[in-house]
């Protein structure tokens, strides 16, 4: 039987979920930058996904799905370790060394990496318009980082932070491209819960190796509230993320994360009274052009056999 197409309603809900996820990632990056030096890279990730797991636990009980097949456990666990454990450790390291806006803009290259992976796997990535959106997203990153480099604005710490952000980008791209059949088979709630659970182990080890600068008793109420907000938003964000992966090509879903630098930049301007540089303005405008290309996507072919891989 020939390929079927996602309905406009299905792709529309996936697009909305992708847009909201992009905003959530930017907000979480901004909030993490405010407290990561006090809480620590590992402990912040541990608390973040521990809270997210508690949020999903009632949903897991209320919405039972098919049990995970024995052969699927290993790839799902490995994907969870990469998608959350390694990615969050790298992102928290990134925001500890450079600005959240810069990290988010480097993260905007994610759709390009996802597109190359989808092409290598022979999967549809959305066509020329999505390819244009990917190019615009990369262009926005090049404008910001290139302008900073030419003006001497990139320090050694920034290089470390941007390198960590690039590593996180690669992790998400690979995992997003490989996650889709498992999400369709078992649902976003179960896949998110497994990913959160397995990620707690490496994040706990990082928390021991790299302890926080302050003990929890020394944290202010503002720090605790930010940790709670980051954790709850991450639980909701991953549900939206996996819903989008279920409905749309990985290249398109990751493309919506280009919204994260816009969110981080706006929050920095409003909350920290930072300056809006010309390079950041141009970069944001270019990334917005890429988002418009992604938002115009309507449907994609899905092989019926894909669900039973």
C-alpha atoms as a PDB file:
ATOM      1  CA  UNK A   1       0.000   0.000   0.000  1.00  0.00           C
ATOM      2  CA  UNK A   2       1.264   3.466  -0.831  1.00  0.00           C
ATOM      3  CA  UNK A   3       2.320   6.109   1.660  1.00  0.00           C
ATOM      4  CA  UNK A   4      -0.261   7.995   3.668  1.00  0.00           C
ATOM      5  CA  UNK A   5      -0.078  11.659   4.553  1.00  0.00           C
ATOM      6  CA  UNK A   6      -0.424  13.358   7.890  1.00  0.00           C
ATOM      7  CA  UNK A   7      -3.664  15.307   7.885  1.00  0.00           C
ATOM      8  CA  UNK A   8      -3.563  19.057   8.062  1.00  0.00           C
ATOM      9  CA  UNK A   9      -5.017  18.826  11.588  1.00  0.00           C
ATOM     10  CA  UNK A  10      -2.285  16.435  12.668  1.00  0.00           C
ATOM     11  CA  UNK A  11       0.522  18.470  11.158  1.00  0.00           C
ATOM     12  CA  UNK A  12      -1.053  21.629  12.582  1.00  0.00           C
ATOM     13  CA  UNK A  13      -1.012  20.299  16.133  1.00  0.00           C
ATOM     14  CA  UNK A  14       2.564  19.153  15.596  1.00  0.00           C
ATOM     15  CA  UNK A  15       3.561  22.616  14.383  1.00  0.00           C
ATOM     16  CA  UNK A  16       1.946  24.298  17.402  1.00  0.00           C
ATOM     17  CA  UNK A  17       3.720  21.845  19.708  1.00  0.00           C
ATOM     18  CA  UNK A  18       7.020  22.582  17.951  1.00  0.00           C
ATOM     19  CA  UNK A  19       6.537  26.345  18.266  1.00  0.00           C
ATOM     20  CA  UNK A  20       5.737  26.114  21.978  1.00  0.00           C
ATOM     21  CA  UNK A  21       8.723  23.833  22.549  1.00  0.00           C
ATOM     22  CA  UNK A  22      11.030  26.391  20.925  1.00  0.00           C
ATOM     23  CA  UNK A  23       9.749  29.064  23.308  1.00  0.00           C
ATOM     24  CA  UNK A  24      10.082  26.748  26.315  1.00  0.00           C
ATOM     25  CA  UNK A  25      13.696  25.866  25.470  1.00  0.00           C
ATOM     26  CA  UNK A  26      14.669  29.537  25.233  1.00  0.00           C
ATOM     27  CA  UNK A  27      12.972  30.381  28.527  1.00  0.00           C
ATOM     28  CA  UNK A  28      14.595  27.409  30.276  1.00  0.00           C
ATOM     29  CA  UNK A  29      18.032  28.388  28.937  1.00  0.00           C
ATOM     30  CA  UNK A  30      17.564  31.920  30.225  1.00  0.00           C
ATOM     31  CA  UNK A  31      16.411  30.734  33.652  1.00  0.00           C
ATOM     32  CA  UNK A  32      19.230  28.169  33.853  1.00  0.00           C
ATOM     33  CA  UNK A  33      21.815  30.859  33.159  1.00  0.00           C
ATOM     34  CA  UNK A  34      20.582  32.789  36.195  1.00  0.00           C
ATOM     35  CA  UNK A  35      21.116  29.950  38.669  1.00  0.00           C
ATOM     36  CA  UNK A  36      23.550  27.399  37.195  1.00  0.00           C
ATOM     37  CA  UNK A  37      26.578  28.944  38.930  1.00  0.00           C
ATOM     38  CA  UNK A  38      24.867  28.555  42.321  1.00  0.00           C
ATOM     39  CA  UNK A  39      23.127  25.215  41.793  1.00  0.00           C
ATOM     40  CA  UNK A  40      25.703  23.437  39.616  1.00  0.00           C
ATOM     41  CA  UNK A  41      25.444  21.782  36.211  1.00  0.00           C
ATOM     42  CA  UNK A  42      24.642  18.267  37.394  1.00  0.00           C
ATOM     43  CA  UNK A  43      22.365  19.112  40.312  1.00  0.00           C
ATOM     44  CA  UNK A  44      20.325  21.539  38.226  1.00  0.00           C
ATOM     45  CA  UNK A  45      19.755  18.848  35.603  1.00  0.00           C
ATOM     46  CA  UNK A  46      18.963  16.251  38.279  1.00  0.00           C
ATOM     47  CA  UNK A  47      16.357  18.467  39.944  1.00  0.00           C
ATOM     48  CA  UNK A  48      14.976  19.627  36.604  1.00  0.00           C
ATOM     49  CA  UNK A  49      14.164  16.161  35.307  1.00  0.00           C
ATOM     50  CA  UNK A  50      13.264  14.752  38.697  1.00  0.00           C
ATOM     51  CA  UNK A  51      10.515  17.384  38.878  1.00  0.00           C
ATOM     52  CA  UNK A  52       9.534  16.703  35.262  1.00  0.00           C
ATOM     53  CA  UNK A  53       9.238  12.972  36.010  1.00  0.00           C
ATOM     54  CA  UNK A  54       6.967  13.652  38.999  1.00  0.00           C
ATOM     55  CA  UNK A  55       4.777  15.763  36.723  1.00  0.00           C
ATOM     56  CA  UNK A  56       4.426  12.935  34.195  1.00  0.00           C
ATOM     57  CA  UNK A  57       3.859  10.127  36.697  1.00  0.00           C
ATOM     58  CA  UNK A  58       0.080  10.726  37.102  1.00  0.00           C
ATOM     59  CA  UNK A  59      -0.293  10.947  33.312  1.00  0.00           C
ATOM     60  CA  UNK A  60       1.530   7.641  32.953  1.00  0.00           C
ATOM     61  CA  UNK A  61      -1.009   5.999  35.279  1.00  0.00           C
ATOM     62  CA  UNK A  62      -4.028   7.656  33.664  1.00  0.00           C
ATOM     63  CA  UNK A  63      -2.984   6.985  30.057  1.00  0.00           C
ATOM     64  CA  UNK A  64      -1.629   3.421  29.863  1.00  0.00           C
ATOM     65  CA  UNK A  65      -0.115   2.351  26.565  1.00  0.00           C
ATOM     66  CA  UNK A  66       1.343  -0.818  25.104  1.00  0.00           C
ATOM     67  CA  UNK A  67       4.207  -2.307  27.150  1.00  0.00           C
ATOM     68  CA  UNK A  68       7.642  -1.685  25.708  1.00  0.00           C
ATOM     69  CA  UNK A  69       8.950  -4.701  23.806  1.00  0.00           C
ATOM     70  CA  UNK A  70      12.124  -6.292  25.133  1.00  0.00           C
ATOM     71  CA  UNK A  71      14.024  -5.521  21.922  1.00  0.00           C
ATOM     72  CA  UNK A  72      13.101  -1.828  22.174  1.00  0.00           C
ATOM     73  CA  UNK A  73      14.328  -1.205  25.720  1.00  0.00           C
ATOM     74  CA  UNK A  74      18.027  -0.776  24.886  1.00  0.00           C
ATOM     75  CA  UNK A  75      17.603   1.756  22.038  1.00  0.00           C
ATOM     76  CA  UNK A  76      14.997   3.718  24.030  1.00  0.00           C
ATOM     77  CA  UNK A  77      17.309   3.857  27.063  1.00  0.00           C
ATOM     78  CA  UNK A  78      20.298   4.937  24.960  1.00  0.00           C
ATOM     79  CA  UNK A  79      18.222   7.604  23.225  1.00  0.00           C
ATOM     80  CA  UNK A  80      17.004   8.866  26.591  1.00  0.00           C
ATOM     81  CA  UNK A  81      20.566   9.108  27.891  1.00  0.00           C
ATOM     82  CA  UNK A  82      21.601  11.100  24.832  1.00  0.00           C
ATOM     83  CA  UNK A  83      18.471  13.228  24.384  1.00  0.00           C
ATOM     84  CA  UNK A  84      18.282  14.347  28.013  1.00  0.00           C
ATOM     85  CA  UNK A  85      21.217  13.221  30.157  1.00  0.00           C
ATOM     86  CA  UNK A  86      24.073  14.187  27.863  1.00  0.00           C
ATOM     87  CA  UNK A  87      22.238  17.050  26.163  1.00  0.00           C
ATOM     88  CA  UNK A  88      21.249  18.803  29.398  1.00  0.00           C
ATOM     89  CA  UNK A  89      24.701  18.347  30.916  1.00  0.00           C
ATOM     90  CA  UNK A  90      26.209  19.992  27.827  1.00  0.00           C
ATOM     91  CA  UNK A  91      23.603  22.780  27.717  1.00  0.00           C
ATOM     92  CA  UNK A  92      24.041  23.604  31.405  1.00  0.00           C
ATOM     93  CA  UNK A  93      27.801  23.681  30.839  1.00  0.00           C
ATOM     94  CA  UNK A  94      27.266  25.967  27.851  1.00  0.00           C
ATOM     95  CA  UNK A  95      25.201  28.554  29.742  1.00  0.00           C
ATOM     96  CA  UNK A  96      27.767  28.485  32.556  1.00  0.00           C
ATOM     97  CA  UNK A  97      30.436  29.727  30.114  1.00  0.00           C
ATOM     98  CA  UNK A  98      28.585  31.952  27.648  1.00  0.00           C
ATOM     99  CA  UNK A  99      25.277  33.774  27.216  1.00  0.00           C
ATOM    100  CA  UNK A 100      21.938  31.966  26.916  1.00  0.00           C
ATOM    101  CA  UNK A 101      21.125  33.873  23.718  1.00  0.00           C
ATOM    102  CA  UNK A 102      24.362  32.727  22.063  1.00  0.00           C
ATOM    103  CA  UNK A 103      23.831  29.127  23.177  1.00  0.00           C
ATOM    104  CA  UNK A 104      20.279  29.181  21.831  1.00  0.00           C
ATOM    105  CA  UNK A 105      21.407  30.566  18.485  1.00  0.00           C
ATOM    106  CA  UNK A 106      24.025  27.845  18.094  1.00  0.00           C
ATOM    107  CA  UNK A 107      21.281  25.387  18.991  1.00  0.00           C
ATOM    108  CA  UNK A 108      19.385  26.829  16.015  1.00  0.00           C
ATOM    109  CA  UNK A 109      21.708  24.862  13.701  1.00  0.00           C
ATOM    110  CA  UNK A 110      19.907  21.751  14.943  1.00  0.00           C
ATOM    111  CA  UNK A 111      17.596  21.451  11.904  1.00  0.00           C
ATOM    112  CA  UNK A 112      20.599  21.406   9.571  1.00  0.00           C
ATOM    113  CA  UNK A 113      22.156  18.499  11.432  1.00  0.00           C
ATOM    114  CA  UNK A 114      18.775  16.749  11.559  1.00  0.00           C
ATOM    115  CA  UNK A 115      18.315  17.269   7.818  1.00  0.00           C
ATOM    116  CA  UNK A 116      21.652  15.634   7.027  1.00  0.00           C
ATOM    117  CA  UNK A 117      20.770  12.697   9.289  1.00  0.00           C
ATOM    118  CA  UNK A 118      17.338  12.302   7.676  1.00  0.00           C
ATOM    119  CA  UNK A 119      18.926  12.428   4.222  1.00  0.00           C
ATOM    120  CA  UNK A 120      21.472   9.811   5.241  1.00  0.00           C
ATOM    121  CA  UNK A 121      18.663   7.566   6.498  1.00  0.00           C
ATOM    122  CA  UNK A 122      16.605   8.132   3.343  1.00  0.00           C
ATOM    123  CA  UNK A 123      13.769   9.864   5.204  1.00  0.00           C
ATOM    124  CA  UNK A 124      11.736  12.824   3.890  1.00  0.00           C
ATOM    125  CA  UNK A 125      12.710  16.114   5.508  1.00  0.00           C
ATOM    126  CA  UNK A 126      10.045  18.474   4.114  1.00  0.00           C
ATOM    127  CA  UNK A 127      11.340  19.649   0.749  1.00  0.00           C
ATOM    128  CA  UNK A 128      12.935  22.841  -0.546  1.00  0.00           C
ATOM    129  CA  UNK A 129      11.033  25.252   1.689  1.00  0.00           C
ATOM    130  CA  UNK A 130      12.237  23.432   4.791  1.00  0.00           C
ATOM    131  CA  UNK A 131      15.746  23.413   3.336  1.00  0.00           C
ATOM    132  CA  UNK A 132      15.504  27.201   2.956  1.00  0.00           C
ATOM    133  CA  UNK A 133      14.375  27.468   6.569  1.00  0.00           C
ATOM    134  CA  UNK A 134      17.385  25.440   7.658  1.00  0.00           C
ATOM    135  CA  UNK A 135      19.717  27.718   5.671  1.00  0.00           C
ATOM    136  CA  UNK A 136      18.180  30.823   7.249  1.00  0.00           C
ATOM    137  CA  UNK A 137      18.563  29.356  10.737  1.00  0.00           C
ATOM    138  CA  UNK A 138      22.251  28.701  10.123  1.00  0.00           C
ATOM    139  CA  UNK A 139      22.601  32.191   8.635  1.00  0.00           C
ATOM    140  CA  UNK A 140      21.264  33.728  11.831  1.00  0.00           C
ATOM    141  CA  UNK A 141      23.847  31.855  13.880  1.00  0.00           C
ATOM    142  CA  UNK A 142      26.647  32.893  11.519  1.00  0.00           C
ATOM    143  CA  UNK A 143      25.677  36.569  11.777  1.00  0.00           C
ATOM    144  CA  UNK A 144      25.733  36.602  15.574  1.00  0.00           C
ATOM    145  CA  UNK A 145      28.813  34.475  16.232  1.00  0.00           C
ATOM    146  CA  UNK A 146      30.743  35.886  13.260  1.00  0.00           C
ATOM    147  CA  UNK A 147      30.091  39.482  14.312  1.00  0.00           C
ATOM    148  CA  UNK A 148      31.217  38.727  17.861  1.00  0.00           C
ATOM    149  CA  UNK A 149      34.411  37.075  16.624  1.00  0.00           C
ATOM    150  CA  UNK A 150      35.338  40.008  14.377  1.00  0.00           C
ATOM    151  CA  UNK A 151      34.820  42.509  17.199  1.00  0.00           C
ATOM    152  CA  UNK A 152      36.806  40.466  19.702  1.00  0.00           C
ATOM    153  CA  UNK A 153      33.642  39.583  21.575  1.00  0.00           C
ATOM    154  CA  UNK A 154      34.412  35.860  21.840  1.00  0.00           C
ATOM    155  CA  UNK A 155      36.490  34.928  24.879  1.00  0.00           C
ATOM    156  CA  UNK A 156      37.969  31.561  25.827  1.00  0.00           C
ATOM    157  CA  UNK A 157      35.001  30.860  28.085  1.00  0.00           C
ATOM    158  CA  UNK A 158      32.663  31.633  25.184  1.00  0.00           C
ATOM    159  CA  UNK A 159      34.465  29.108  22.976  1.00  0.00           C
ATOM    160  CA  UNK A 160      34.034  26.426  25.649  1.00  0.00           C
ATOM    161  CA  UNK A 161      30.367  27.303  26.030  1.00  0.00           C
ATOM    162  CA  UNK A 162      29.720  27.297  22.291  1.00  0.00           C
ATOM    163  CA  UNK A 163      31.540  23.968  21.913  1.00  0.00           C
ATOM    164  CA  UNK A 164      29.311  22.446  24.585  1.00  0.00           C
ATOM    165  CA  UNK A 165      26.251  23.883  22.824  1.00  0.00           C
ATOM    166  CA  UNK A 166      27.390  22.309  19.542  1.00  0.00           C
ATOM    167  CA  UNK A 167      27.747  18.934  21.267  1.00  0.00           C
ATOM    168  CA  UNK A 168      24.235  19.247  22.698  1.00  0.00           C
ATOM    169  CA  UNK A 169      22.950  20.087  19.231  1.00  0.00           C
ATOM    170  CA  UNK A 170      24.433  16.914  17.763  1.00  0.00           C
ATOM    171  CA  UNK A 171      22.929  14.781  20.554  1.00  0.00           C
ATOM    172  CA  UNK A 172      19.425  16.134  19.986  1.00  0.00           C
ATOM    173  CA  UNK A 173      19.651  15.831  16.198  1.00  0.00           C
ATOM    174  CA  UNK A 174      20.642  12.167  16.291  1.00  0.00           C
ATOM    175  CA  UNK A 175      18.114  11.226  18.967  1.00  0.00           C
ATOM    176  CA  UNK A 176      15.244  13.159  17.362  1.00  0.00           C
ATOM    177  CA  UNK A 177      15.738  11.380  14.051  1.00  0.00           C
ATOM    178  CA  UNK A 178      15.808   7.947  15.705  1.00  0.00           C
ATOM    179  CA  UNK A 179      13.045   8.477  18.288  1.00  0.00           C
ATOM    180  CA  UNK A 180      10.052   8.806  15.912  1.00  0.00           C
ATOM    181  CA  UNK A 181       9.050   5.119  15.508  1.00  0.00           C
ATOM    182  CA  UNK A 182       9.204   4.536  19.271  1.00  0.00           C
ATOM    183  CA  UNK A 183       7.082   7.610  20.025  1.00  0.00           C
ATOM    184  CA  UNK A 184       4.437   6.473  17.529  1.00  0.00           C
ATOM    185  CA  UNK A 185       4.434   3.007  19.045  1.00  0.00           C
ATOM    186  CA  UNK A 186       4.352   3.828  22.767  1.00  0.00           C
ATOM    187  CA  UNK A 187       3.223   7.448  22.998  1.00  0.00           C
ATOM    188  CA  UNK A 188       4.921  10.669  24.221  1.00  0.00           C
ATOM    189  CA  UNK A 189       4.122  10.138  27.930  1.00  0.00           C
ATOM    190  CA  UNK A 190       5.792   6.737  28.237  1.00  0.00           C
ATOM    191  CA  UNK A 191       8.808   7.679  26.123  1.00  0.00           C
ATOM    192  CA  UNK A 192       9.295  10.923  28.080  1.00  0.00           C
ATOM    193  CA  UNK A 193       9.035   9.075  31.397  1.00  0.00           C
ATOM    194  CA  UNK A 194      11.667   6.515  30.398  1.00  0.00           C
ATOM    195  CA  UNK A 195      13.965   9.253  29.093  1.00  0.00           C
ATOM    196  CA  UNK A 196      13.649  11.281  32.308  1.00  0.00           C
ATOM    197  CA  UNK A 197      14.270   8.213  34.482  1.00  0.00           C
ATOM    198  CA  UNK A 198      17.435   7.016  32.746  1.00  0.00           C
ATOM    199  CA  UNK A 199      18.831  10.565  32.561  1.00  0.00           C
ATOM    200  CA  UNK A 200      18.803  10.909  36.356  1.00  0.00           C
ATOM    201  CA  UNK A 201      21.736   8.484  36.693  1.00  0.00           C
ATOM    202  CA  UNK A 202      24.366  10.409  34.654  1.00  0.00           C
ATOM    203  CA  UNK A 203      23.069  13.739  35.949  1.00  0.00           C
ATOM    204  CA  UNK A 204      23.430  12.448  39.514  1.00  0.00           C
ATOM    205  CA  UNK A 205      27.027  11.399  38.801  1.00  0.00           C
ATOM    206  CA  UNK A 206      27.785  14.838  37.364  1.00  0.00           C
ATOM    207  CA  UNK A 207      26.280  16.430  40.486  1.00  0.00           C
ATOM    208  CA  UNK A 208      28.716  14.413  42.626  1.00  0.00           C
ATOM    209  CA  UNK A 209      31.743  15.151  40.439  1.00  0.00           C
ATOM    210  CA  UNK A 210      30.892  18.845  39.986  1.00  0.00           C
ATOM    211  CA  UNK A 211      29.160  19.912  43.216  1.00  0.00           C
ATOM    212  CA  UNK A 212      27.220  23.154  43.443  1.00  0.00           C
ATOM    213  CA  UNK A 213      28.869  26.317  44.725  1.00  0.00           C
ATOM    214  CA  UNK A 214      26.231  26.592  47.460  1.00  0.00           C
ATOM    215  CA  UNK A 215      24.413  24.020  49.548  1.00  0.00           C
ATOM    216  CA  UNK A 216      20.633  23.825  49.090  1.00  0.00           C
ATOM    217  CA  UNK A 217      20.226  25.452  52.505  1.00  0.00           C
ATOM    218  CA  UNK A 218      21.951  28.537  51.111  1.00  0.00           C
ATOM    219  CA  UNK A 219      19.694  28.855  48.081  1.00  0.00           C
ATOM    220  CA  UNK A 220      17.279  31.735  48.080  1.00  0.00           C
ATOM    221  CA  UNK A 221      13.561  31.270  47.526  1.00  0.00           C
ATOM    222  CA  UNK A 222      14.024  32.768  44.041  1.00  0.00           C
ATOM    223  CA  UNK A 223      16.435  29.949  43.133  1.00  0.00           C
ATOM    224  CA  UNK A 224      13.989  27.313  44.347  1.00  0.00           C
ATOM    225  CA  UNK A 225      11.120  28.869  42.384  1.00  0.00           C
ATOM    226  CA  UNK A 226      13.235  28.992  39.226  1.00  0.00           C
ATOM    227  CA  UNK A 227      14.226  25.327  39.647  1.00  0.00           C
ATOM    228  CA  UNK A 228      10.552  24.399  40.047  1.00  0.00           C
ATOM    229  CA  UNK A 229       9.557  26.442  36.990  1.00  0.00           C
ATOM    230  CA  UNK A 230      12.335  24.925  34.865  1.00  0.00           C
ATOM    231  CA  UNK A 231      11.378  21.403  35.931  1.00  0.00           C
ATOM    232  CA  UNK A 232       7.644  21.773  35.337  1.00  0.00           C
ATOM    233  CA  UNK A 233       8.144  23.500  31.988  1.00  0.00           C
ATOM    234  CA  UNK A 234      10.569  20.764  30.923  1.00  0.00           C
ATOM    235  CA  UNK A 235       8.008  18.053  31.625  1.00  0.00           C
ATOM    236  CA  UNK A 236       5.395  19.858  29.545  1.00  0.00           C
ATOM    237  CA  UNK A 237       7.985  20.813  26.931  1.00  0.00           C
ATOM    238  CA  UNK A 238       9.075  17.225  26.298  1.00  0.00           C
ATOM    239  CA  UNK A 239       5.471  16.079  25.918  1.00  0.00           C
ATOM    240  CA  UNK A 240       5.032  18.735  23.230  1.00  0.00           C
ATOM    241  CA  UNK A 241       8.391  17.839  21.673  1.00  0.00           C
ATOM    242  CA  UNK A 242       7.556  14.152  21.322  1.00  0.00           C
ATOM    243  CA  UNK A 243       4.066  14.966  20.043  1.00  0.00           C
ATOM    244  CA  UNK A 244       5.675  17.074  17.319  1.00  0.00           C
ATOM    245  CA  UNK A 245       8.133  14.274  16.483  1.00  0.00           C
ATOM    246  CA  UNK A 246       5.179  11.904  16.189  1.00  0.00           C
ATOM    247  CA  UNK A 247       3.464  14.171  13.630  1.00  0.00           C
ATOM    248  CA  UNK A 248       6.266  15.856  11.659  1.00  0.00           C
ATOM    249  CA  UNK A 249       9.727  15.167  10.161  1.00  0.00           C
ATOM    250  CA  UNK A 250      12.602  15.573  12.627  1.00  0.00           C
ATOM    251  CA  UNK A 251      14.141  18.326  10.481  1.00  0.00           C
ATOM    252  CA  UNK A 252      10.988  20.419  10.750  1.00  0.00           C
ATOM    253  CA  UNK A 253      10.487  19.787  14.475  1.00  0.00           C
ATOM    254  CA  UNK A 254      14.045  20.755  15.326  1.00  0.00           C
ATOM    255  CA  UNK A 255      13.669  23.815  13.111  1.00  0.00           C
ATOM    256  CA  UNK A 256      11.147  25.306  15.522  1.00  0.00           C
ATOM    257  CA  UNK A 257      13.869  25.444  18.175  1.00  0.00           C
ATOM    258  CA  UNK A 258      15.174  28.476  16.308  1.00  0.00           C
ATOM    259  CA  UNK A 259      12.552  30.311  18.392  1.00  0.00           C
ATOM    260  CA  UNK A 260      14.634  29.670  21.494  1.00  0.00           C
ATOM    261  CA  UNK A 261      17.195  32.460  20.869  1.00  0.00           C
ATOM    262  CA  UNK A 262      14.391  34.940  20.280  1.00  0.00           C
ATOM    263  CA  UNK A 263      12.834  33.977  23.600  1.00  0.00           C
ATOM    264  CA  UNK A 264      16.172  34.102  25.429  1.00  0.00           C
ATOM    265  CA  UNK A 265      17.042  37.479  23.898  1.00  0.00           C
ATOM    266  CA  UNK A 266      13.670  39.025  24.779  1.00  0.00           C
ATOM    267  CA  UNK A 267      13.862  37.747  28.357  1.00  0.00           C
ATOM    268  CA  UNK A 268      17.416  39.086  28.681  1.00  0.00           C
ATOM    269  CA  UNK A 269      16.328  42.486  27.396  1.00  0.00           C
ATOM    270  CA  UNK A 270      13.332  42.675  29.722  1.00  0.00           C
ATOM    271  CA  UNK A 271      14.815  41.133  32.868  1.00  0.00           C
ATOM    272  CA  UNK A 272      18.520  41.971  32.706  1.00  0.00           C
ATOM    273  CA  UNK A 273      18.390  45.241  30.754  1.00  0.00           C
ATOM    274  CA  UNK A 274      20.992  43.949  28.288  1.00  0.00           C
ATOM    275  CA  UNK A 275      21.770  45.808  25.079  1.00  0.00           C
ATOM    276  CA  UNK A 276      20.242  44.715  21.780  1.00  0.00           C
ATOM    277  CA  UNK A 277      23.240  44.677  19.436  1.00  0.00           C
ATOM    278  CA  UNK A 278      22.829  45.097  15.660  1.00  0.00           C
ATOM    279  CA  UNK A 279      24.158  41.578  15.062  1.00  0.00           C
ATOM    280  CA  UNK A 280      21.565  40.094  17.408  1.00  0.00           C
ATOM    281  CA  UNK A 281      18.775  42.070  15.740  1.00  0.00           C
ATOM    282  CA  UNK A 282      19.824  40.851  12.286  1.00  0.00           C
ATOM    283  CA  UNK A 283      20.245  37.285  13.538  1.00  0.00           C
ATOM    284  CA  UNK A 284      16.776  37.264  15.099  1.00  0.00           C
ATOM    285  CA  UNK A 285      15.247  38.617  11.868  1.00  0.00           C
ATOM    286  CA  UNK A 286      16.925  35.910   9.779  1.00  0.00           C
ATOM    287  CA  UNK A 287      15.850  33.154  12.172  1.00  0.00           C
ATOM    288  CA  UNK A 288      12.269  34.486  12.024  1.00  0.00           C
ATOM    289  CA  UNK A 289      12.422  34.021   8.254  1.00  0.00           C
ATOM    290  CA  UNK A 290      13.387  30.403   8.797  1.00  0.00           C
ATOM    291  CA  UNK A 291      10.495  29.913  11.226  1.00  0.00           C
ATOM    292  CA  UNK A 292       8.073  31.224   8.585  1.00  0.00           C
ATOM    293  CA  UNK A 293       9.335  28.555   6.180  1.00  0.00           C
ATOM    294  CA  UNK A 294       8.809  25.853   8.810  1.00  0.00           C
ATOM    295  CA  UNK A 295       5.343  27.136   9.733  1.00  0.00           C
ATOM    296  CA  UNK A 296       4.121  26.775   6.116  1.00  0.00           C
ATOM    297  CA  UNK A 297       4.678  23.018   6.139  1.00  0.00           C
ATOM    298  CA  UNK A 298       1.395  21.110   5.707  1.00  0.00           C
ATOM    299  CA  UNK A 299       1.948  17.412   5.264  1.00  0.00           C
ATOM    300  CA  UNK A 300       4.526  14.707   4.862  1.00  0.00           C
ATOM    301  CA  UNK A 301       4.472  11.113   3.657  1.00  0.00           C
ATOM    302  CA  UNK A 302       4.719   8.359   6.241  1.00  0.00           C
ATOM    303  CA  UNK A 303       5.215   4.755   5.317  1.00  0.00           C
ATOM    304  CA  UNK A 304       2.730   2.518   7.103  1.00  0.00           C
ATOM    305  CA  UNK A 305       5.541   0.078   7.781  1.00  0.00           C
ATOM    306  CA  UNK A 306       7.471   2.738   9.743  1.00  0.00           C
ATOM    307  CA  UNK A 307       5.261   2.278  12.770  1.00  0.00           C
ATOM    308  CA  UNK A 308       6.248  -1.372  12.982  1.00  0.00           C
ATOM    309  CA  UNK A 309       9.982  -1.045  12.518  1.00  0.00           C
END
